[in-house]
Amino acid sequence: MTAAVSSAEVAFDPAGPWRRARSVALRPEPFGALVYHFGNRKLSFLKSKTLVSVVEALADHPSATAALTACGVTEAQRPAYEKALADLARSQMIEPNPEGTP
């Protein structure tokens, strides 16, 4: 499932390689994390420690789907996490990883 995109946005494809955007900082908090984009000055809240783990693990896996699996996201939870990742892609907090996995 992909999100609608504008000219500045990239469609989120969970089968593709992703990473936290290079201009984004993640600050752990008791509820999850604050995510700040230094380029567009957007601030987001990740309200799940599992989602924080997924975002941190994206660059270590060949796809967002693989990162979700590695972080223990169940099939039943997957649609909610994919929607959250699509929202993060839309706000430029995560980006396609042209290098794939290291």
N, C-alpha and C. Protein backbone atom coordinates (compact mmCIF):
# COMPACT_ATOMS: atom_id res chain seq x y z
N MET A 1 0.84 -1.17 0.00
CA MET A 1 0.00 0.00 0.00
C MET A 1 0.89 1.23 0.00
N THR A 2 0.61 2.19 -0.85
CA THR A 2 1.41 3.40 -0.92
C THR A 2 0.56 4.60 -0.56
N ALA A 3 1.22 5.64 -0.12
CA ALA A 3 0.53 6.88 0.22
C ALA A 3 0.50 7.79 -1.00
N ALA A 4 -0.49 8.67 -1.06
CA ALA A 4 -0.54 9.66 -2.12
C ALA A 4 0.65 10.61 -1.93
N VAL A 5 1.17 11.11 -3.05
CA VAL A 5 2.37 11.93 -2.94
C VAL A 5 2.21 13.23 -3.72
N SER A 6 2.94 14.24 -3.27
CA SER A 6 3.07 15.48 -4.04
C SER A 6 4.44 15.44 -4.69
N SER A 7 4.80 16.49 -5.40
CA SER A 7 6.08 16.49 -6.10
C SER A 7 7.27 16.41 -5.15
N ALA A 8 7.11 16.84 -3.87
CA ALA A 8 8.21 16.81 -2.91
C ALA A 8 8.22 15.54 -2.08
N GLU A 9 7.23 14.69 -2.25
CA GLU A 9 7.11 13.50 -1.42
C GLU A 9 7.46 12.24 -2.20
N VAL A 10 7.85 11.24 -1.46
CA VAL A 10 8.15 9.93 -2.03
C VAL A 10 7.10 8.97 -1.50
N ALA A 11 6.56 8.13 -2.38
CA ALA A 11 5.57 7.14 -1.96
C ALA A 11 6.24 6.11 -1.06
N PHE A 12 5.59 5.77 0.03
CA PHE A 12 6.13 4.77 0.94
C PHE A 12 5.80 3.38 0.42
N ASP A 13 6.84 2.59 0.21
CA ASP A 13 6.69 1.20 -0.20
C ASP A 13 7.40 0.37 0.85
N PRO A 14 6.65 -0.40 1.66
CA PRO A 14 7.30 -1.17 2.72
C PRO A 14 8.26 -2.23 2.21
N ALA A 15 8.17 -2.58 0.94
CA ALA A 15 9.07 -3.59 0.38
C ALA A 15 10.43 -2.99 0.01
N GLY A 16 10.55 -1.68 0.03
CA GLY A 16 11.79 -1.02 -0.34
C GLY A 16 12.67 -0.71 0.85
N PRO A 17 13.95 -0.36 0.58
CA PRO A 17 14.88 0.00 1.66
C PRO A 17 14.64 1.44 2.13
N TRP A 18 14.62 1.66 3.44
CA TRP A 18 14.38 2.96 4.04
C TRP A 18 15.42 3.23 5.12
N ARG A 19 15.53 4.48 5.51
CA ARG A 19 16.39 4.88 6.62
C ARG A 19 15.83 6.14 7.24
N ARG A 20 16.27 6.43 8.45
CA ARG A 20 15.93 7.72 9.07
C ARG A 20 16.61 8.78 8.22
N ALA A 21 15.91 9.86 7.92
CA ALA A 21 16.50 10.92 7.09
C ALA A 21 17.76 11.46 7.77
N ARG A 22 18.73 11.81 6.98
CA ARG A 22 20.02 12.26 7.53
C ARG A 22 19.90 13.54 8.34
N SER A 23 18.92 14.38 8.04
CA SER A 23 18.76 15.64 8.77
C SER A 23 17.75 15.51 9.91
N VAL A 24 17.54 14.29 10.39
CA VAL A 24 16.57 14.04 11.45
C VAL A 24 17.29 13.53 12.70
N ALA A 25 16.89 14.09 13.83
CA ALA A 25 17.40 13.62 15.13
C ALA A 25 16.26 12.96 15.89
N LEU A 26 16.60 11.90 16.57
CA LEU A 26 15.65 11.15 17.38
C LEU A 26 16.07 11.27 18.84
N ARG A 27 15.18 11.74 19.69
CA ARG A 27 15.49 11.86 21.12
C ARG A 27 14.58 10.94 21.91
N PRO A 28 15.14 9.91 22.53
CA PRO A 28 14.32 8.99 23.31
C PRO A 28 13.60 9.71 24.45
N GLU A 29 12.38 9.30 24.70
CA GLU A 29 11.54 9.82 25.77
C GLU A 29 10.83 8.63 26.41
N PRO A 30 10.29 8.79 27.62
CA PRO A 30 9.59 7.68 28.27
C PRO A 30 8.42 7.13 27.44
N PHE A 31 7.78 7.97 26.64
CA PHE A 31 6.64 7.54 25.83
C PHE A 31 7.04 6.97 24.49
N GLY A 32 8.29 7.15 24.08
CA GLY A 32 8.77 6.72 22.77
C GLY A 32 9.94 7.59 22.34
N ALA A 33 9.65 8.64 21.53
CA ALA A 33 10.73 9.54 21.11
C ALA A 33 10.17 10.80 20.47
N LEU A 34 10.98 11.84 20.52
CA LEU A 34 10.74 13.05 19.73
C LEU A 34 11.58 12.92 18.48
N VAL A 35 11.03 13.31 17.35
CA VAL A 35 11.75 13.26 16.08
C VAL A 35 11.73 14.67 15.51
N TYR A 36 12.91 15.22 15.24
CA TYR A 36 13.00 16.59 14.73
C TYR A 36 13.76 16.59 13.41
N HIS A 37 13.18 17.27 12.43
CA HIS A 37 13.81 17.42 11.11
C HIS A 37 14.43 18.81 11.05
N PHE A 38 15.76 18.87 10.97
CA PHE A 38 16.46 20.15 10.98
C PHE A 38 16.25 20.93 9.69
N GLY A 39 15.89 20.28 8.60
CA GLY A 39 15.67 20.98 7.33
C GLY A 39 14.33 21.68 7.28
N ASN A 40 13.24 20.95 7.54
CA ASN A 40 11.91 21.56 7.43
C ASN A 40 11.34 21.96 8.78
N ARG A 41 12.10 21.74 9.84
CA ARG A 41 11.77 22.13 11.21
C ARG A 41 10.49 21.47 11.75
N LYS A 42 10.17 20.31 11.22
CA LYS A 42 9.01 19.58 11.72
C LYS A 42 9.40 18.77 12.94
N LEU A 43 8.45 18.69 13.86
CA LEU A 43 8.62 17.90 15.07
C LEU A 43 7.52 16.86 15.11
N SER A 44 7.90 15.62 15.35
CA SER A 44 6.93 14.53 15.45
C SER A 44 7.17 13.78 16.75
N PHE A 45 6.13 13.11 17.19
CA PHE A 45 6.20 12.28 18.39
C PHE A 45 5.98 10.83 17.99
N LEU A 46 6.88 9.97 18.38
CA LEU A 46 6.69 8.54 18.20
C LEU A 46 6.20 8.02 19.55
N LYS A 47 4.96 7.57 19.58
CA LYS A 47 4.34 7.20 20.85
C LYS A 47 4.44 5.72 21.14
N SER A 48 5.39 5.06 20.52
CA SER A 48 5.59 3.63 20.73
C SER A 48 7.08 3.34 20.69
N LYS A 49 7.55 2.66 21.71
CA LYS A 49 8.97 2.29 21.73
C LYS A 49 9.29 1.30 20.61
N THR A 50 8.31 0.49 20.24
CA THR A 50 8.52 -0.43 19.12
C THR A 50 8.70 0.35 17.83
N LEU A 51 7.90 1.40 17.63
CA LEU A 51 8.06 2.22 16.41
C LEU A 51 9.43 2.89 16.40
N VAL A 52 9.89 3.34 17.55
CA VAL A 52 11.24 3.92 17.64
C VAL A 52 12.27 2.88 17.21
N SER A 53 12.11 1.67 17.69
CA SER A 53 13.04 0.59 17.31
C SER A 53 13.01 0.33 15.81
N VAL A 54 11.81 0.36 15.23
CA VAL A 54 11.69 0.13 13.79
C VAL A 54 12.41 1.24 13.02
N VAL A 55 12.17 2.49 13.40
CA VAL A 55 12.80 3.62 12.70
C VAL A 55 14.32 3.52 12.81
N GLU A 56 14.81 3.16 13.99
CA GLU A 56 16.25 3.03 14.18
C GLU A 56 16.83 1.85 13.39
N ALA A 57 16.02 0.82 13.16
CA ALA A 57 16.50 -0.39 12.49
C ALA A 57 16.34 -0.35 10.97
N LEU A 58 15.62 0.62 10.44
CA LEU A 58 15.33 0.62 9.00
C LEU A 58 16.58 0.45 8.14
N ALA A 59 17.62 1.20 8.42
CA ALA A 59 18.82 1.16 7.57
C ALA A 59 19.57 -0.16 7.65
N ASP A 60 19.27 -0.98 8.66
CA ASP A 60 19.95 -2.26 8.83
C ASP A 60 19.26 -3.41 8.12
N HIS A 61 18.16 -3.12 7.42
CA HIS A 61 17.37 -4.18 6.79
C HIS A 61 17.08 -3.83 5.33
N PRO A 62 16.87 -4.83 4.50
CA PRO A 62 16.65 -4.59 3.07
C PRO A 62 15.29 -3.95 2.75
N SER A 63 14.39 -3.94 3.74
CA SER A 63 13.07 -3.34 3.52
C SER A 63 12.47 -2.94 4.85
N ALA A 64 11.46 -2.08 4.78
CA ALA A 64 10.73 -1.72 6.00
C ALA A 64 10.02 -2.96 6.54
N THR A 65 9.53 -3.81 5.66
CA THR A 65 8.87 -5.05 6.09
C THR A 65 9.83 -5.90 6.92
N ALA A 66 11.07 -6.02 6.47
CA ALA A 66 12.07 -6.80 7.21
C ALA A 66 12.37 -6.16 8.56
N ALA A 67 12.42 -4.84 8.61
CA ALA A 67 12.66 -4.15 9.88
C ALA A 67 11.50 -4.37 10.84
N LEU A 68 10.27 -4.34 10.33
CA LEU A 68 9.10 -4.61 11.17
C LEU A 68 9.17 -6.01 11.76
N THR A 69 9.52 -6.97 10.93
CA THR A 69 9.64 -8.36 11.39
C THR A 69 10.73 -8.49 12.44
N ALA A 70 11.88 -7.88 12.18
CA ALA A 70 13.01 -7.95 13.11
C ALA A 70 12.68 -7.32 14.46
N CYS A 71 11.80 -6.34 14.46
CA CYS A 71 11.43 -5.64 15.70
C CYS A 71 10.22 -6.27 16.39
N GLY A 72 9.76 -7.40 15.87
CA GLY A 72 8.70 -8.13 16.54
C GLY A 72 7.29 -7.64 16.27
N VAL A 73 7.10 -6.86 15.21
CA VAL A 73 5.75 -6.38 14.87
C VAL A 73 4.99 -7.55 14.24
N THR A 74 3.83 -7.86 14.80
CA THR A 74 3.03 -8.99 14.32
C THR A 74 2.27 -8.61 13.06
N GLU A 75 1.75 -9.62 12.38
CA GLU A 75 0.94 -9.38 11.18
C GLU A 75 -0.27 -8.51 11.50
N ALA A 76 -0.88 -8.74 12.66
CA ALA A 76 -2.05 -7.97 13.07
C ALA A 76 -1.70 -6.49 13.30
N GLN A 77 -0.50 -6.22 13.77
CA GLN A 77 -0.06 -4.85 14.04
C GLN A 77 0.48 -4.14 12.80
N ARG A 78 0.86 -4.92 11.80
CA ARG A 78 1.58 -4.38 10.64
C ARG A 78 0.88 -3.21 9.96
N PRO A 79 -0.44 -3.25 9.68
CA PRO A 79 -1.07 -2.11 9.00
C PRO A 79 -0.90 -0.78 9.76
N ALA A 80 -1.00 -0.81 11.07
CA ALA A 80 -0.84 0.42 11.86
C ALA A 80 0.60 0.94 11.77
N TYR A 81 1.56 0.03 11.82
CA TYR A 81 2.96 0.44 11.74
C TYR A 81 3.32 0.92 10.33
N GLU A 82 2.78 0.28 9.32
CA GLU A 82 3.03 0.74 7.95
C GLU A 82 2.42 2.12 7.72
N LYS A 83 1.25 2.37 8.31
CA LYS A 83 0.64 3.71 8.20
C LYS A 83 1.53 4.74 8.90
N ALA A 84 2.05 4.39 10.08
CA ALA A 84 2.93 5.31 10.80
C ALA A 84 4.19 5.60 9.99
N LEU A 85 4.77 4.57 9.38
CA LEU A 85 5.95 4.78 8.55
C LEU A 85 5.63 5.61 7.31
N ALA A 86 4.47 5.39 6.72
CA ALA A 86 4.05 6.20 5.56
C ALA A 86 3.91 7.67 5.97
N ASP A 87 3.36 7.91 7.16
CA ASP A 87 3.24 9.28 7.67
C ASP A 87 4.63 9.90 7.88
N LEU A 88 5.56 9.11 8.40
CA LEU A 88 6.93 9.60 8.59
C LEU A 88 7.61 9.88 7.26
N ALA A 89 7.33 9.06 6.25
CA ALA A 89 7.89 9.31 4.91
C ALA A 89 7.30 10.60 4.33
N ARG A 90 6.00 10.78 4.51
CA ARG A 90 5.33 11.97 3.98
C ARG A 90 5.88 13.25 4.62
N SER A 91 6.26 13.17 5.90
CA SER A 91 6.82 14.34 6.58
C SER A 91 8.34 14.39 6.49
N GLN A 92 8.92 13.52 5.66
CA GLN A 92 10.35 13.49 5.36
C GLN A 92 11.22 13.12 6.56
N MET A 93 10.64 12.40 7.52
CA MET A 93 11.41 11.92 8.67
C MET A 93 12.19 10.66 8.32
N ILE A 94 11.63 9.86 7.41
CA ILE A 94 12.37 8.72 6.86
C ILE A 94 12.44 8.92 5.35
N GLU A 95 13.42 8.29 4.73
CA GLU A 95 13.63 8.46 3.29
C GLU A 95 14.08 7.14 2.69
N PRO A 96 13.89 6.99 1.37
CA PRO A 96 14.41 5.78 0.73
C PRO A 96 15.92 5.69 0.95
N ASN A 97 16.39 4.48 1.13
CA ASN A 97 17.82 4.26 1.36
C ASN A 97 18.45 3.78 0.06
N PRO A 98 19.09 4.67 -0.69
CA PRO A 98 19.67 4.26 -1.98
C PRO A 98 20.82 3.27 -1.83
N GLU A 99 21.37 3.17 -0.64
CA GLU A 99 22.49 2.26 -0.41
C GLU A 99 22.01 0.87 -0.01
N GLY A 100 20.71 0.71 0.21
CA GLY A 100 20.20 -0.58 0.67
C GLY A 100 20.75 -0.91 2.05
N THR A 101 20.97 -2.16 2.33
CA THR A 101 21.54 -2.55 3.62
C THR A 101 23.05 -2.53 3.55
N PRO A 102 23.67 -2.22 4.68
CA PRO A 102 25.13 -2.17 4.71
C PRO A 102 25.77 -3.53 4.50
